[in-house]
Amino acid sequence: MKEKLRVGILTSGGDCQALNAAMRGVVLALYEKNKNTEIIGIENGYEGLINGNCRSLAKDDFENILALGGTILGSSRMPFKHINEPDENGIEKVPAMIKNYKKMGLDCLVVLGGNGSQKTANLLSENGLNIVSLPKTIDNDVAETDLTFGYASALEVAAETIENIKTTAASHSRIFIVEIMGHKTGHLTLNAGIAGGADVILIPEMPFDIMSIAEKIKRNELSGKRYSIVAVAEGAKTKQDALLSKKEYKAKMGSLSVSFHLASQLRMMCGKDVRVSIPGHVQRGGTPCPQDRILASRLGAAAAECILQEKFGVMVALINDKIVPVELNKVAGFTKYVDTEADVIKQAKALGICFGE
């Protein structure tokens, strides 16, 4: 272990709950083992590393942020597919990040991010930088970890939204479509739908047939249920649309999301009032729930241990309730999709939930 440690930290991609809790975990655990630690906070994600925007932070800066939402360092999106292209100022991104890492005199860079951020973290690791990463995203779709921090808090918000909309739906005998975040994967929508008691759950991994949904709604009416709730992931598609190219699909949808197209069709097919509710970024904001604070703290402490042991090129992950380091090259470029044959799907169907098949 080095006598003096200089560790950089950045938060990349979309914000989520418990980013601050995770950083706190890293810092407190480092200081516990090495009082001679200096933390360099890199502002606004990889953008800050490219431009050299950073500031020195003391242990006290992290003491009271366990339950604070957002990120005290700021964040930005840096699409991996453009990482080897110059930025708007003509700066070569990867060489600039490597140069500034060395200029800052870092012994390690800690990256908190989702799928795209993990790919960039792995790229920097392959270029010789000492990297330790932590998995964050409300989508829970980072590979090689059972859970990402941010997911449990977003799940609470999404499930509560579905549950709360029921009173209005029942009062007015309406169909309500609740659009949940998730472009590529449906972990959040699936579990929020089950927890909120949705009648229909639509996720990207299971293209749907609108006729099947309409039939479910009609069965609800015949059984005496005055309303229906449809939980739909923003990336869900009909079976026909799933066959289109990205360009074709975008041209077909225009500026409207899948929820509004679905609402228009169900209105005609079912002869009922259909409304759309989109909680949007509320799912990513606010105070992290206790489960997220615990997970983020555990991941942070484990990341600090990796740094102290000079075990780099890894992401700390939760696997079978143990926090373990996973090689970044096993994470980068991979996505954890919903297993459509999983028990949770079978049990949801046993409850009468329709997946539009």
Protein backbone atom coordinates (compact mmCIF):
# COMPACT_ATOMS: atom_id res chain seq x y z
CA MET A 1 0.00 0.00 0.00
CA LYS A 2 1.31 3.44 -0.94
CA GLU A 3 2.15 5.83 1.88
CA LYS A 4 0.26 8.63 0.11
CA LEU A 5 -2.76 7.96 -2.07
CA ARG A 6 -4.17 10.33 -4.66
CA VAL A 7 -7.51 9.04 -5.92
CA GLY A 8 -9.76 10.59 -8.55
CA ILE A 9 -13.54 10.09 -8.55
CA LEU A 10 -16.08 10.85 -11.25
CA THR A 11 -19.77 10.13 -11.83
CA SER A 12 -20.75 9.51 -15.43
CA GLY A 13 -23.97 9.22 -17.41
CA GLY A 14 -27.49 9.83 -16.12
CA ASP A 15 -27.82 10.66 -12.46
CA CYS A 16 -29.50 8.30 -10.01
CA GLN A 17 -30.03 7.87 -6.30
CA ALA A 18 -27.08 6.84 -4.08
CA LEU A 19 -24.25 8.23 -6.22
CA ASN A 20 -23.23 10.35 -3.25
CA ALA A 21 -23.61 7.41 -0.88
CA ALA A 22 -21.28 5.32 -3.06
CA MET A 23 -18.64 8.05 -3.20
CA ARG A 24 -18.91 8.45 0.56
CA GLY A 25 -18.34 4.72 0.98
CA VAL A 26 -15.16 4.84 -1.12
CA VAL A 27 -13.75 7.86 0.68
CA LEU A 28 -14.55 6.87 4.27
CA ALA A 29 -13.11 3.39 3.73
CA LEU A 30 -9.92 4.81 2.19
CA TYR A 31 -9.38 7.25 5.05
CA GLU A 32 -10.06 4.50 7.58
CA LYS A 33 -7.03 2.57 6.28
CA ASN A 34 -4.85 5.44 5.07
CA LYS A 35 -5.13 8.88 6.64
CA ASN A 36 -2.73 10.21 4.03
CA THR A 37 -5.30 10.05 1.24
CA GLU A 38 -6.19 12.87 -1.14
CA ILE A 39 -9.42 12.80 -3.12
CA ILE A 40 -9.60 14.60 -6.46
CA GLY A 41 -13.19 15.18 -7.52
CA ILE A 42 -13.52 15.31 -11.30
CA GLU A 43 -16.44 17.49 -12.32
CA ASN A 44 -19.15 16.50 -14.79
CA GLY A 45 -18.01 12.98 -15.58
CA TYR A 46 -15.63 12.08 -18.39
CA GLU A 47 -16.13 15.58 -19.79
CA GLY A 48 -14.30 16.92 -16.73
CA LEU A 49 -11.47 14.43 -17.19
CA ILE A 50 -11.12 15.46 -20.85
CA ASN A 51 -10.95 19.15 -19.93
CA GLY A 52 -9.03 18.76 -16.67
CA ASN A 53 -11.81 20.17 -14.49
CA CYS A 54 -11.25 18.94 -10.97
CA ARG A 55 -10.95 19.98 -7.34
CA SER A 56 -9.40 18.60 -4.21
CA LEU A 57 -11.94 17.33 -1.68
CA ALA A 58 -11.58 16.63 2.04
CA LYS A 59 -13.06 13.76 4.01
CA ASP A 60 -15.56 16.21 5.54
CA ASP A 61 -17.02 16.89 2.09
CA PHE A 62 -18.38 13.34 2.10
CA GLU A 63 -19.54 13.02 5.71
CA ASN A 64 -23.16 14.17 5.35
CA ILE A 65 -24.15 13.05 1.84
CA LEU A 66 -25.34 9.49 2.53
CA ALA A 67 -29.00 10.36 1.90
CA LEU A 68 -28.41 13.17 -0.59
CA GLY A 69 -29.76 12.59 -4.11
CA GLY A 70 -27.93 13.47 -7.30
CA THR A 71 -24.15 13.85 -7.35
CA ILE A 72 -22.02 16.53 -5.72
CA LEU A 73 -19.55 16.24 -8.62
CA GLY A 74 -22.07 16.68 -11.43
CA SER A 75 -22.38 14.29 -14.36
CA SER A 76 -22.58 14.23 -18.14
CA ARG A 77 -23.21 11.74 -20.91
CA MET A 78 -20.30 10.71 -23.10
CA PRO A 79 -21.59 8.18 -25.67
CA PHE A 80 -19.04 5.41 -26.10
CA LYS A 81 -19.70 5.16 -29.83
CA HIS A 82 -18.24 8.68 -30.17
CA ILE A 83 -15.39 8.25 -27.68
CA ASN A 84 -12.73 8.07 -30.40
CA GLU A 85 -14.04 11.15 -32.19
CA PRO A 86 -12.74 14.66 -31.36
CA ASP A 87 -15.07 16.80 -29.24
CA GLU A 88 -16.58 20.10 -30.38
CA ASN A 89 -13.26 21.83 -29.63
CA GLY A 90 -11.25 19.35 -31.65
CA ILE A 91 -9.82 17.62 -28.57
CA GLU A 92 -9.05 13.90 -28.91
CA LYS A 93 -10.98 12.49 -25.96
CA VAL A 94 -9.04 9.40 -24.94
CA PRO A 95 -5.54 10.94 -25.19
CA ALA A 96 -6.82 13.97 -23.24
CA MET A 97 -8.20 11.78 -20.44
CA ILE A 98 -4.94 9.86 -20.19
CA LYS A 99 -2.93 13.10 -20.15
CA ASN A 100 -5.07 14.68 -17.43
CA TYR A 101 -5.05 11.51 -15.30
CA LYS A 102 -1.25 11.73 -15.28
CA LYS A 103 -1.25 15.51 -14.85
CA MET A 104 -3.47 15.14 -11.76
CA GLY A 105 -0.97 12.63 -10.39
CA LEU A 106 -3.63 10.01 -9.76
CA ASP A 107 -2.86 6.58 -8.34
CA CYS A 108 -6.33 5.41 -9.32
CA LEU A 109 -9.52 6.66 -10.93
CA VAL A 110 -12.87 5.55 -9.48
CA VAL A 111 -15.73 5.58 -12.01
CA LEU A 112 -19.39 5.41 -10.99
CA GLY A 113 -21.49 4.63 -14.05
CA GLY A 114 -23.78 2.46 -16.13
CA ASN A 115 -23.18 0.43 -19.28
CA GLY A 116 -21.62 3.12 -21.47
CA SER A 117 -19.49 4.43 -18.62
CA GLN A 118 -18.19 0.92 -17.90
CA LYS A 119 -17.09 0.60 -21.53
CA THR A 120 -15.10 3.83 -21.31
CA ALA A 121 -13.67 2.76 -17.95
CA ASN A 122 -12.47 -0.49 -19.55
CA LEU A 123 -10.97 1.43 -22.48
CA LEU A 124 -8.99 3.63 -20.07
CA SER A 125 -7.89 0.54 -18.18
CA GLU A 126 -6.66 -1.04 -21.42
CA ASN A 127 -4.69 2.14 -22.01
CA GLY A 128 -2.76 1.64 -18.78
CA LEU A 129 -4.76 3.67 -16.24
CA ASN A 130 -5.57 2.25 -12.80
CA ILE A 131 -9.37 1.99 -12.80
CA VAL A 132 -11.90 0.73 -10.26
CA SER A 133 -15.58 1.13 -11.13
CA LEU A 134 -18.95 0.84 -9.40
CA PRO A 135 -22.23 -0.14 -11.15
CA LYS A 136 -25.01 2.44 -11.07
CA THR A 137 -28.23 2.74 -13.05
CA ILE A 138 -31.94 2.64 -12.35
CA ASP A 139 -32.27 0.09 -15.19
CA ASN A 140 -30.34 -2.64 -13.30
CA ASP A 141 -28.92 -3.80 -16.63
CA VAL A 142 -25.16 -3.75 -15.95
CA ALA A 143 -23.67 -7.18 -16.61
CA GLU A 144 -21.95 -9.32 -13.95
CA THR A 145 -23.82 -7.84 -10.97
CA ASP A 146 -27.09 -8.92 -9.40
CA LEU A 147 -28.00 -5.34 -8.53
CA THR A 148 -26.97 -1.79 -9.35
CA PHE A 149 -27.43 1.08 -6.94
CA GLY A 150 -30.19 3.48 -7.96
CA TYR A 151 -32.47 0.66 -9.03
CA ALA A 152 -34.23 0.01 -5.70
CA SER A 153 -35.05 3.71 -5.23
CA ALA A 154 -36.40 4.07 -8.77
CA LEU A 155 -38.44 0.91 -8.26
CA GLU A 156 -40.11 2.45 -5.22
CA VAL A 157 -41.05 5.57 -7.18
CA ALA A 158 -42.33 3.63 -10.21
CA ALA A 159 -44.34 1.15 -8.14
CA GLU A 160 -45.86 3.92 -6.04
CA THR A 161 -46.85 5.79 -9.22
CA ILE A 162 -48.69 2.73 -10.54
CA GLU A 163 -50.38 2.13 -7.20
CA ASN A 164 -51.41 5.77 -6.78
CA ILE A 165 -52.91 6.04 -10.28
CA LYS A 166 -55.41 3.30 -9.46
CA THR A 167 -57.75 5.56 -7.50
CA THR A 168 -58.17 7.94 -10.44
CA ALA A 169 -58.46 5.04 -12.89
CA ALA A 170 -61.16 3.37 -10.77
CA SER A 171 -63.04 6.61 -10.13
CA HIS A 172 -63.37 7.36 -13.84
CA SER A 173 -63.41 3.79 -15.25
CA ARG A 174 -60.32 4.52 -17.30
CA ILE A 175 -57.42 2.66 -18.79
CA PHE A 176 -54.17 4.19 -17.54
CA ILE A 177 -50.84 3.62 -19.25
CA VAL A 178 -47.88 4.31 -16.97
CA GLU A 179 -44.64 4.71 -18.90
CA ILE A 180 -41.57 3.58 -16.96
CA MET A 181 -37.95 4.32 -17.84
CA GLY A 182 -36.05 1.60 -19.68
CA HIS A 183 -35.07 1.88 -23.36
CA LYS A 184 -33.33 -1.46 -23.78
CA THR A 185 -34.30 -3.54 -20.77
CA GLY A 186 -37.43 -4.05 -18.70
CA HIS A 187 -36.18 -4.91 -15.20
CA LEU A 188 -37.65 -1.73 -13.69
CA THR A 189 -41.01 -1.96 -15.49
CA LEU A 190 -41.40 -5.67 -14.79
CA ASN A 191 -40.91 -5.37 -11.05
CA ALA A 192 -42.69 -2.04 -10.68
CA GLY A 193 -45.65 -3.53 -12.53
CA ILE A 194 -45.79 -6.53 -10.21
CA ALA A 195 -45.32 -4.39 -7.09
CA GLY A 196 -47.91 -1.85 -8.23
CA GLY A 197 -50.50 -4.41 -9.30
CA ALA A 198 -50.55 -3.62 -13.01
CA ASP A 199 -52.86 -5.65 -15.26
CA VAL A 200 -50.49 -5.50 -18.22
CA ILE A 201 -46.68 -5.25 -18.30
CA LEU A 202 -44.85 -4.48 -21.54
CA ILE A 203 -41.05 -4.69 -21.73
CA PRO A 204 -38.49 -4.45 -24.57
CA GLU A 205 -37.53 -8.11 -24.28
CA MET A 206 -41.09 -9.26 -25.08
CA PRO A 207 -42.59 -7.58 -28.19
CA PHE A 208 -46.36 -7.33 -27.77
CA ASP A 209 -49.58 -7.79 -29.70
CA ILE A 210 -52.08 -4.97 -29.06
CA MET A 211 -54.99 -7.34 -29.62
CA SER A 212 -53.80 -9.42 -26.65
CA ILE A 213 -53.82 -6.31 -24.44
CA ALA A 214 -57.30 -5.30 -25.60
CA GLU A 215 -58.58 -8.79 -24.81
CA LYS A 216 -57.12 -8.60 -21.29
CA ILE A 217 -58.86 -5.27 -20.71
CA LYS A 218 -62.16 -6.69 -21.94
CA ARG A 219 -61.77 -9.67 -19.59
CA ASN A 220 -61.28 -7.21 -16.74
CA GLU A 221 -64.56 -5.53 -17.63
CA LEU A 222 -66.44 -8.83 -17.85
CA SER A 223 -65.18 -9.74 -14.38
CA GLY A 224 -66.50 -6.44 -13.02
CA LYS A 225 -63.22 -4.52 -12.86
CA ARG A 226 -63.91 -0.93 -13.96
CA TYR A 227 -60.36 0.04 -14.86
CA SER A 228 -57.06 -1.38 -16.18
CA ILE A 229 -53.43 -0.37 -15.59
CA VAL A 230 -50.79 -0.92 -18.25
CA ALA A 231 -47.13 -0.57 -17.18
CA VAL A 232 -45.02 -0.04 -20.28
CA ALA A 233 -41.26 0.40 -20.60
CA GLU A 234 -40.33 3.30 -22.85
CA GLY A 235 -38.44 0.87 -25.10
CA ALA A 236 -41.28 -1.64 -25.51
CA LYS A 237 -42.37 -2.39 -29.08
CA THR A 238 -45.13 -4.22 -30.91
CA LYS A 239 -44.19 -7.45 -32.65
CA GLN A 240 -44.40 -5.63 -35.98
CA ASP A 241 -42.29 -2.68 -34.85
CA ALA A 242 -39.61 -4.98 -33.44
CA LEU A 243 -38.86 -6.04 -37.02
CA LEU A 244 -38.14 -2.45 -38.15
CA SER A 245 -34.72 -0.85 -38.30
CA LYS A 246 -33.98 1.95 -35.85
CA LYS A 247 -34.40 4.51 -38.61
CA GLU A 248 -37.71 3.03 -39.76
CA TYR A 249 -39.03 2.81 -36.21
CA LYS A 250 -38.08 6.42 -35.44
CA ALA A 251 -39.78 7.64 -38.60
CA LYS A 252 -42.95 5.72 -37.73
CA MET A 253 -43.16 6.93 -34.12
CA GLY A 254 -42.34 10.56 -34.78
CA SER A 255 -42.24 12.65 -31.61
CA LEU A 256 -44.65 10.43 -29.67
CA SER A 257 -43.57 7.63 -27.36
CA VAL A 258 -44.91 4.08 -27.50
CA SER A 259 -47.41 4.91 -24.73
CA PHE A 260 -49.29 7.49 -26.78
CA HIS A 261 -49.45 5.24 -29.84
CA LEU A 262 -50.74 2.45 -27.63
CA ALA A 263 -53.28 4.75 -25.98
CA SER A 264 -54.68 5.83 -29.35
CA GLN A 265 -55.19 2.25 -30.48
CA LEU A 266 -56.66 0.99 -27.21
CA ARG A 267 -59.09 3.90 -27.16
CA MET A 268 -60.53 2.73 -30.46
CA MET A 269 -60.37 -0.99 -29.71
CA CYS A 270 -61.85 -0.86 -26.20
CA GLY A 271 -64.14 2.15 -26.45
CA LYS A 272 -62.85 3.53 -23.15
CA ASP A 273 -61.09 6.67 -22.00
CA VAL A 274 -57.33 6.03 -22.02
CA ARG A 275 -54.80 8.29 -20.30
CA VAL A 276 -50.99 8.25 -20.18
CA SER A 277 -48.95 9.03 -17.08
CA ILE A 278 -45.17 9.45 -17.36
CA PRO A 279 -43.25 9.87 -14.06
CA GLY A 280 -40.08 10.43 -16.12
CA HIS A 281 -36.99 11.74 -14.36
CA VAL A 282 -38.76 11.69 -10.99
CA GLN A 283 -37.76 8.02 -10.99
CA ARG A 284 -34.09 9.02 -10.89
CA GLY A 285 -34.35 11.81 -8.34
CA GLY A 286 -34.71 12.36 -4.65
CA THR A 287 -33.43 10.58 -1.56
CA PRO A 288 -32.04 7.06 -2.03
CA CYS A 289 -33.97 4.35 -0.23
CA PRO A 290 -32.25 2.43 2.61
CA GLN A 291 -31.52 -0.57 0.36
CA ASP A 292 -29.65 1.65 -2.10
CA ARG A 293 -27.72 3.39 0.68
CA ILE A 294 -26.60 0.03 2.04
CA LEU A 295 -25.62 -1.37 -1.36
CA ALA A 296 -23.78 1.82 -2.38
CA SER A 297 -21.90 1.90 0.93
CA ARG A 298 -20.88 -1.75 0.58
CA LEU A 299 -19.75 -1.26 -3.01
CA GLY A 300 -17.82 1.86 -2.01
CA ALA A 301 -16.02 0.08 0.82
CA ALA A 302 -15.15 -2.82 -1.51
CA ALA A 303 -13.85 -0.40 -4.16
CA ALA A 304 -11.58 1.18 -1.54
CA GLU A 305 -10.24 -2.26 -0.65
CA CYS A 306 -9.41 -2.89 -4.31
CA ILE A 307 -7.52 0.41 -4.45
CA LEU A 308 -5.57 -0.35 -1.29
CA GLN A 309 -4.67 -3.80 -2.63
CA GLU A 310 -3.80 -2.29 -6.04
CA LYS A 311 -6.36 -4.53 -7.72
CA PHE A 312 -7.25 -2.47 -10.78
CA GLY A 313 -9.20 -2.98 -14.00
CA VAL A 314 -12.21 -4.21 -12.04
CA MET A 315 -15.81 -3.34 -11.24
CA VAL A 316 -17.07 -4.19 -7.75
CA ALA A 317 -20.28 -6.21 -8.05
CA LEU A 318 -22.96 -7.81 -5.92
CA ILE A 319 -23.15 -11.55 -6.60
CA ASN A 320 -25.13 -13.83 -4.27
CA ASP A 321 -25.06 -11.14 -1.57
CA LYS A 322 -21.26 -10.90 -1.67
CA ILE A 323 -19.36 -7.92 -3.03
CA VAL A 324 -16.65 -9.17 -5.38
CA PRO A 325 -14.35 -7.61 -7.99
CA VAL A 326 -15.16 -8.51 -11.61
CA GLU A 327 -12.79 -7.86 -14.49
CA LEU A 328 -13.96 -4.82 -16.44
CA ASN A 329 -13.55 -6.59 -19.77
CA LYS A 330 -16.27 -9.03 -18.67
CA VAL A 331 -18.65 -6.11 -18.03
CA ALA A 332 -17.89 -3.67 -20.84
CA GLY A 333 -20.04 -4.13 -23.91
CA PHE A 334 -22.49 -6.51 -22.25
CA THR A 335 -26.08 -5.84 -21.15
CA LYS A 336 -28.13 -7.77 -18.60
CA TYR A 337 -31.54 -8.34 -20.18
CA VAL A 338 -34.69 -9.69 -18.55
CA ASP A 339 -34.76 -13.47 -18.89
CA THR A 340 -38.16 -14.07 -20.47
CA GLU A 341 -38.14 -17.65 -19.17
CA ALA A 342 -37.38 -16.63 -15.58
CA ASP A 343 -39.59 -17.69 -12.67
CA VAL A 344 -40.67 -14.10 -12.05
CA ILE A 345 -42.29 -13.96 -15.52
CA LYS A 346 -44.04 -17.31 -15.02
CA GLN A 347 -45.31 -16.26 -11.59
CA ALA A 348 -46.52 -12.90 -12.90
CA LYS A 349 -48.51 -14.72 -15.57
CA ALA A 350 -49.93 -17.01 -12.87
CA LEU A 351 -51.27 -13.86 -11.19
CA GLY A 352 -53.14 -12.99 -14.38
CA ILE A 353 -50.72 -10.33 -15.60
CA CYS A 354 -50.71 -9.98 -19.39
CA PHE A 355 -47.42 -9.44 -21.30
CA GLY A 356 -49.10 -8.81 -24.63
CA GLU A 357 -48.06 -12.13 -26.13
